[in-house]
Amino acid sequence: MKWYLKVLRQYADFGSRAGRTEFWMFILFNIIFSLIANALDYVFGTVYVFAGIYGLAMLIPGLAVSVRRLHDVNKSGWMILVSLIPFIGIIWLLVLMIMEGTPGENRFGPQPDEVLVVA
């Protein structure tokens, strides 16, 4: 949960790097909360009200952490557009998100700490 909150605190930071743990923990909690929002829509009989609001709220943080993850593997954030290529683009983007980050400093900044330090 700390990783999810860390991403939300950096909701519009497109310039630094995000490690694998930060990215995948955000994805995990995002899926869980999306399922909860969909369940609320089902219970209250609404059509994508809770899920839509949650999805819109997570659009910018999700893009930001994805761009930062690409920066960690020393790729430009614009590489996210490769996902627009049907089938192959999504697979290539998934491979990039799974790859280990560049050790040490790269052109996007210092290596992200995989251990969360809460101040």
N, C-alpha and C. Protein backbone atom coordinates (compact mmCIF):
# COMPACT_ATOMS: atom_id res chain seq x y z
N MET A 1 0.82 -1.19 0.00
CA MET A 1 0.00 0.00 0.00
C MET A 1 0.87 1.26 0.00
N LYS A 2 2.06 1.16 0.61
CA LYS A 2 2.96 2.32 0.65
C LYS A 2 3.41 2.71 -0.76
N TRP A 3 3.61 1.71 -1.62
CA TRP A 3 4.02 2.00 -2.99
C TRP A 3 2.90 2.70 -3.75
N TYR A 4 1.68 2.27 -3.52
CA TYR A 4 0.52 2.88 -4.17
C TYR A 4 0.42 4.35 -3.76
N LEU A 5 0.57 4.61 -2.48
CA LEU A 5 0.51 5.99 -1.98
C LEU A 5 1.68 6.82 -2.48
N LYS A 6 2.85 6.19 -2.64
CA LYS A 6 4.01 6.90 -3.18
C LYS A 6 3.72 7.38 -4.60
N VAL A 7 3.09 6.52 -5.40
CA VAL A 7 2.73 6.91 -6.77
C VAL A 7 1.73 8.05 -6.75
N LEU A 8 0.76 8.00 -5.85
CA LEU A 8 -0.23 9.07 -5.77
C LEU A 8 0.41 10.39 -5.33
N ARG A 9 1.42 10.33 -4.46
CA ARG A 9 2.12 11.55 -4.06
C ARG A 9 2.90 12.15 -5.23
N GLN A 10 3.37 11.30 -6.14
CA GLN A 10 4.11 11.75 -7.31
C GLN A 10 3.22 11.70 -8.54
N TYR A 11 1.96 12.07 -8.39
CA TYR A 11 0.95 11.83 -9.42
C TYR A 11 1.27 12.49 -10.76
N ALA A 12 2.03 13.54 -10.78
CA ALA A 12 2.32 14.21 -12.05
C ALA A 12 3.81 14.33 -12.30
N ASP A 13 4.61 13.45 -11.70
CA ASP A 13 6.05 13.46 -11.90
C ASP A 13 6.39 12.56 -13.09
N PHE A 14 6.67 13.19 -14.21
CA PHE A 14 7.00 12.45 -15.43
C PHE A 14 8.50 12.47 -15.69
N GLY A 15 9.29 12.97 -14.76
CA GLY A 15 10.69 13.19 -15.05
C GLY A 15 11.68 12.26 -14.39
N SER A 16 11.30 11.53 -13.38
CA SER A 16 12.28 10.71 -12.67
C SER A 16 12.13 9.24 -13.07
N ARG A 17 12.52 8.34 -12.19
CA ARG A 17 12.48 6.91 -12.48
C ARG A 17 11.64 6.18 -11.44
N ALA A 18 11.03 5.07 -11.85
CA ALA A 18 10.26 4.23 -10.94
C ALA A 18 10.73 2.78 -11.09
N GLY A 19 11.02 2.15 -9.99
CA GLY A 19 11.47 0.77 -10.02
C GLY A 19 10.34 -0.21 -10.29
N ARG A 20 10.72 -1.47 -10.50
CA ARG A 20 9.71 -2.50 -10.78
C ARG A 20 8.73 -2.67 -9.65
N THR A 21 9.22 -2.67 -8.42
CA THR A 21 8.33 -2.86 -7.27
C THR A 21 7.28 -1.77 -7.21
N GLU A 22 7.71 -0.54 -7.36
CA GLU A 22 6.78 0.59 -7.31
C GLU A 22 5.71 0.46 -8.40
N PHE A 23 6.14 0.17 -9.61
CA PHE A 23 5.20 0.06 -10.73
C PHE A 23 4.22 -1.08 -10.53
N TRP A 24 4.72 -2.27 -10.24
CA TRP A 24 3.84 -3.45 -10.16
C TRP A 24 2.95 -3.44 -8.93
N MET A 25 3.41 -2.85 -7.83
CA MET A 25 2.53 -2.73 -6.66
C MET A 25 1.41 -1.73 -6.95
N PHE A 26 1.71 -0.67 -7.68
CA PHE A 26 0.67 0.26 -8.09
C PHE A 26 -0.35 -0.45 -8.98
N ILE A 27 0.11 -1.24 -9.92
CA ILE A 27 -0.79 -1.99 -10.81
C ILE A 27 -1.66 -2.94 -10.00
N LEU A 28 -1.06 -3.66 -9.05
CA LEU A 28 -1.82 -4.61 -8.23
C LEU A 28 -2.93 -3.90 -7.45
N PHE A 29 -2.59 -2.84 -6.75
CA PHE A 29 -3.61 -2.13 -5.97
C PHE A 29 -4.62 -1.43 -6.87
N ASN A 30 -4.19 -0.99 -8.03
CA ASN A 30 -5.10 -0.37 -8.97
C ASN A 30 -6.15 -1.39 -9.44
N ILE A 31 -5.74 -2.61 -9.70
CA ILE A 31 -6.68 -3.67 -10.10
C ILE A 31 -7.65 -3.96 -8.96
N ILE A 32 -7.13 -4.06 -7.75
CA ILE A 32 -7.99 -4.35 -6.59
C ILE A 32 -9.03 -3.25 -6.40
N PHE A 33 -8.60 -1.99 -6.43
CA PHE A 33 -9.54 -0.89 -6.24
C PHE A 33 -10.51 -0.75 -7.41
N SER A 34 -10.08 -1.11 -8.61
CA SER A 34 -10.99 -1.10 -9.75
C SER A 34 -12.08 -2.15 -9.59
N LEU A 35 -11.69 -3.33 -9.09
CA LEU A 35 -12.68 -4.37 -8.83
C LEU A 35 -13.68 -3.94 -7.77
N ILE A 36 -13.20 -3.26 -6.75
CA ILE A 36 -14.09 -2.76 -5.70
C ILE A 36 -15.04 -1.71 -6.28
N ALA A 37 -14.53 -0.82 -7.12
CA ALA A 37 -15.39 0.20 -7.74
C ALA A 37 -16.44 -0.46 -8.64
N ASN A 38 -16.05 -1.48 -9.37
CA ASN A 38 -17.01 -2.20 -10.21
C ASN A 38 -18.06 -2.92 -9.35
N ALA A 39 -17.63 -3.47 -8.23
CA ALA A 39 -18.57 -4.13 -7.32
C ALA A 39 -19.57 -3.11 -6.76
N LEU A 40 -19.10 -1.92 -6.43
CA LEU A 40 -19.99 -0.87 -5.94
C LEU A 40 -21.00 -0.47 -7.02
N ASP A 41 -20.54 -0.39 -8.25
CA ASP A 41 -21.46 -0.10 -9.36
C ASP A 41 -22.52 -1.19 -9.48
N TYR A 42 -22.12 -2.42 -9.30
CA TYR A 42 -23.06 -3.54 -9.39
C TYR A 42 -24.07 -3.49 -8.24
N VAL A 43 -23.57 -3.25 -7.02
CA VAL A 43 -24.44 -3.22 -5.84
C VAL A 43 -25.46 -2.09 -5.93
N PHE A 44 -25.02 -0.92 -6.35
CA PHE A 44 -25.92 0.23 -6.41
C PHE A 44 -26.68 0.34 -7.73
N GLY A 45 -26.39 -0.54 -8.65
CA GLY A 45 -27.10 -0.55 -9.92
C GLY A 45 -26.76 0.62 -10.83
N THR A 46 -25.58 1.18 -10.63
CA THR A 46 -25.15 2.29 -11.48
C THR A 46 -24.35 1.74 -12.65
N VAL A 47 -24.22 2.56 -13.67
CA VAL A 47 -23.46 2.14 -14.85
C VAL A 47 -22.15 2.92 -14.89
N TYR A 48 -21.09 2.30 -14.44
CA TYR A 48 -19.73 2.86 -14.46
C TYR A 48 -19.59 4.20 -13.75
N VAL A 49 -20.36 4.45 -12.72
CA VAL A 49 -20.20 5.70 -11.98
C VAL A 49 -18.95 5.63 -11.11
N PHE A 50 -18.89 4.64 -10.22
CA PHE A 50 -17.74 4.52 -9.33
C PHE A 50 -16.48 4.13 -10.11
N ALA A 51 -16.62 3.19 -11.01
CA ALA A 51 -15.48 2.74 -11.81
C ALA A 51 -14.98 3.86 -12.73
N GLY A 52 -15.89 4.63 -13.28
CA GLY A 52 -15.50 5.74 -14.16
C GLY A 52 -14.77 6.83 -13.41
N ILE A 53 -15.28 7.19 -12.23
CA ILE A 53 -14.63 8.22 -11.42
C ILE A 53 -13.24 7.75 -10.99
N TYR A 54 -13.16 6.49 -10.55
CA TYR A 54 -11.86 5.95 -10.13
C TYR A 54 -10.89 5.90 -11.32
N GLY A 55 -11.38 5.47 -12.48
CA GLY A 55 -10.53 5.40 -13.66
C GLY A 55 -10.00 6.76 -14.08
N LEU A 56 -10.85 7.76 -14.04
CA LEU A 56 -10.40 9.12 -14.38
C LEU A 56 -9.40 9.65 -13.35
N ALA A 57 -9.63 9.33 -12.09
CA ALA A 57 -8.73 9.80 -11.04
C ALA A 57 -7.34 9.15 -11.16
N MET A 58 -7.27 7.93 -11.68
CA MET A 58 -6.01 7.21 -11.78
C MET A 58 -5.34 7.36 -13.14
N LEU A 59 -5.94 8.11 -14.06
CA LEU A 59 -5.37 8.25 -15.41
C LEU A 59 -3.99 8.90 -15.38
N ILE A 60 -3.88 10.07 -14.77
CA ILE A 60 -2.59 10.79 -14.73
C ILE A 60 -1.56 10.03 -13.89
N PRO A 61 -1.89 9.56 -12.66
CA PRO A 61 -0.88 8.80 -11.91
C PRO A 61 -0.43 7.53 -12.65
N GLY A 62 -1.34 6.87 -13.33
CA GLY A 62 -0.98 5.66 -14.07
C GLY A 62 -0.04 5.96 -15.23
N LEU A 63 -0.32 7.03 -15.95
CA LEU A 63 0.58 7.44 -17.04
C LEU A 63 1.94 7.85 -16.49
N ALA A 64 1.93 8.59 -15.39
CA ALA A 64 3.19 9.08 -14.81
C ALA A 64 4.07 7.93 -14.34
N VAL A 65 3.50 6.96 -13.65
CA VAL A 65 4.32 5.85 -13.16
C VAL A 65 4.79 4.98 -14.33
N SER A 66 4.00 4.88 -15.38
CA SER A 66 4.42 4.12 -16.57
C SER A 66 5.59 4.81 -17.27
N VAL A 67 5.52 6.11 -17.39
CA VAL A 67 6.62 6.87 -18.00
C VAL A 67 7.87 6.75 -17.15
N ARG A 68 7.70 6.88 -15.83
CA ARG A 68 8.87 6.75 -14.94
C ARG A 68 9.47 5.35 -15.01
N ARG A 69 8.63 4.34 -15.18
CA ARG A 69 9.12 2.97 -15.31
C ARG A 69 9.93 2.82 -16.60
N LEU A 70 9.45 3.41 -17.69
CA LEU A 70 10.21 3.39 -18.94
C LEU A 70 11.54 4.13 -18.78
N HIS A 71 11.53 5.21 -18.02
CA HIS A 71 12.78 5.93 -17.76
C HIS A 71 13.76 5.04 -17.01
N ASP A 72 13.27 4.16 -16.14
CA ASP A 72 14.15 3.29 -15.37
C ASP A 72 14.88 2.30 -16.28
N VAL A 73 14.27 1.91 -17.38
CA VAL A 73 14.95 1.02 -18.33
C VAL A 73 15.62 1.82 -19.45
N ASN A 74 15.81 3.12 -19.20
CA ASN A 74 16.52 4.03 -20.09
C ASN A 74 15.82 4.20 -21.44
N LYS A 75 14.51 4.23 -21.43
CA LYS A 75 13.72 4.49 -22.64
C LYS A 75 12.96 5.80 -22.44
N SER A 76 12.66 6.45 -23.53
CA SER A 76 11.88 7.68 -23.47
C SER A 76 10.45 7.36 -23.05
N GLY A 77 9.83 8.30 -22.37
CA GLY A 77 8.43 8.12 -21.97
C GLY A 77 7.50 8.01 -23.17
N TRP A 78 7.93 8.55 -24.30
CA TRP A 78 7.12 8.46 -25.51
C TRP A 78 6.99 7.02 -26.01
N MET A 79 7.83 6.12 -25.50
CA MET A 79 7.73 4.71 -25.88
C MET A 79 6.39 4.11 -25.45
N ILE A 80 5.68 4.79 -24.57
CA ILE A 80 4.36 4.30 -24.16
C ILE A 80 3.41 4.25 -25.35
N LEU A 81 3.69 5.06 -26.36
CA LEU A 81 2.86 5.07 -27.56
C LEU A 81 3.00 3.80 -28.39
N VAL A 82 4.01 2.99 -28.10
CA VAL A 82 4.16 1.72 -28.80
C VAL A 82 2.97 0.80 -28.51
N SER A 83 2.28 1.07 -27.43
CA SER A 83 1.11 0.25 -27.08
C SER A 83 -0.04 0.46 -28.06
N LEU A 84 0.04 1.48 -28.89
CA LEU A 84 -0.99 1.71 -29.90
C LEU A 84 -0.88 0.74 -31.07
N ILE A 85 0.26 0.08 -31.20
CA ILE A 85 0.41 -0.95 -32.23
C ILE A 85 -0.34 -2.18 -31.76
N PRO A 86 -1.30 -2.66 -32.53
CA PRO A 86 -2.09 -3.81 -32.08
C PRO A 86 -1.23 -5.03 -31.75
N PHE A 87 -1.56 -5.66 -30.65
CA PHE A 87 -0.98 -6.91 -30.16
C PHE A 87 0.52 -6.80 -29.87
N ILE A 88 1.35 -6.57 -30.86
CA ILE A 88 2.80 -6.54 -30.69
C ILE A 88 3.21 -5.39 -29.76
N GLY A 89 2.56 -4.25 -29.88
CA GLY A 89 2.91 -3.09 -29.07
C GLY A 89 2.69 -3.34 -27.59
N ILE A 90 1.57 -3.97 -27.26
CA ILE A 90 1.28 -4.28 -25.85
C ILE A 90 2.30 -5.27 -25.29
N ILE A 91 2.64 -6.28 -26.08
CA ILE A 91 3.62 -7.27 -25.63
C ILE A 91 4.98 -6.61 -25.42
N TRP A 92 5.40 -5.76 -26.34
CA TRP A 92 6.69 -5.08 -26.21
C TRP A 92 6.70 -4.17 -24.99
N LEU A 93 5.62 -3.46 -24.76
CA LEU A 93 5.54 -2.58 -23.59
C LEU A 93 5.59 -3.41 -22.30
N LEU A 94 4.92 -4.54 -22.28
CA LEU A 94 4.96 -5.43 -21.11
C LEU A 94 6.38 -5.92 -20.86
N VAL A 95 7.10 -6.27 -21.93
CA VAL A 95 8.49 -6.70 -21.79
C VAL A 95 9.33 -5.58 -21.18
N LEU A 96 9.12 -4.36 -21.65
CA LEU A 96 9.87 -3.22 -21.10
C LEU A 96 9.56 -2.99 -19.63
N MET A 97 8.31 -3.18 -19.25
CA MET A 97 7.91 -2.96 -17.85
C MET A 97 8.45 -4.06 -16.93
N ILE A 98 8.71 -5.23 -17.48
CA ILE A 98 9.22 -6.35 -16.68
C ILE A 98 10.74 -6.29 -16.54
N MET A 99 11.41 -5.69 -17.52
CA MET A 99 12.87 -5.64 -17.52
C MET A 99 13.43 -4.98 -16.27
N GLU A 100 14.62 -5.41 -15.90
CA GLU A 100 15.31 -4.79 -14.78
C GLU A 100 15.78 -3.41 -15.20
N GLY A 101 15.73 -2.47 -14.28
CA GLY A 101 16.13 -1.11 -14.58
C GLY A 101 17.63 -0.97 -14.79
N THR A 102 18.03 0.14 -15.35
CA THR A 102 19.44 0.44 -15.56
C THR A 102 20.11 0.65 -14.21
N PRO A 103 21.16 -0.10 -13.92
CA PRO A 103 21.84 0.11 -12.63
C PRO A 103 22.56 1.45 -12.60
N GLY A 104 22.55 2.06 -11.45
CA GLY A 104 23.20 3.35 -11.30
C GLY A 104 22.39 4.47 -11.92
N GLU A 105 23.07 5.54 -12.24
CA GLU A 105 22.40 6.71 -12.80
C GLU A 105 22.31 6.58 -14.32
N ASN A 106 21.20 7.02 -14.88
CA ASN A 106 21.08 7.10 -16.33
C ASN A 106 20.65 8.52 -16.69
N ARG A 107 20.28 8.76 -17.93
CA ARG A 107 19.96 10.13 -18.36
C ARG A 107 18.70 10.70 -17.71
N PHE A 108 17.92 9.85 -17.02
CA PHE A 108 16.70 10.31 -16.37
C PHE A 108 16.85 10.50 -14.87
N GLY A 109 18.03 10.26 -14.35
CA GLY A 109 18.26 10.49 -12.93
C GLY A 109 18.87 9.30 -12.23
N PRO A 110 18.98 9.40 -10.91
CA PRO A 110 19.56 8.31 -10.14
C PRO A 110 18.64 7.09 -10.07
N GLN A 111 19.24 5.97 -9.76
CA GLN A 111 18.50 4.72 -9.64
C GLN A 111 17.49 4.84 -8.50
N PRO A 112 16.23 4.42 -8.76
CA PRO A 112 15.23 4.50 -7.67
C PRO A 112 15.53 3.46 -6.60
N ASP A 113 15.27 3.83 -5.38
CA ASP A 113 15.44 2.90 -4.28
C ASP A 113 14.27 1.94 -4.24
N GLU A 114 14.54 0.65 -4.20
CA GLU A 114 13.47 -0.33 -4.11
C GLU A 114 12.94 -0.45 -2.68
N VAL A 115 13.69 0.10 -1.73
CA VAL A 115 13.25 0.08 -0.35
C VAL A 115 12.62 1.45 -0.07
N LEU A 116 11.37 1.45 0.31
CA LEU A 116 10.65 2.70 0.55
C LEU A 116 11.10 3.32 1.86
N VAL A 117 11.51 4.57 1.79
CA VAL A 117 11.90 5.32 2.99
C VAL A 117 10.81 6.35 3.21
N VAL A 118 10.05 6.18 4.30
CA VAL A 118 8.96 7.10 4.62
C VAL A 118 9.50 8.16 5.56
N ALA A 119 9.38 9.40 5.15
CA ALA A 119 9.88 10.50 5.97
C ALA A 119 8.83 11.01 6.92
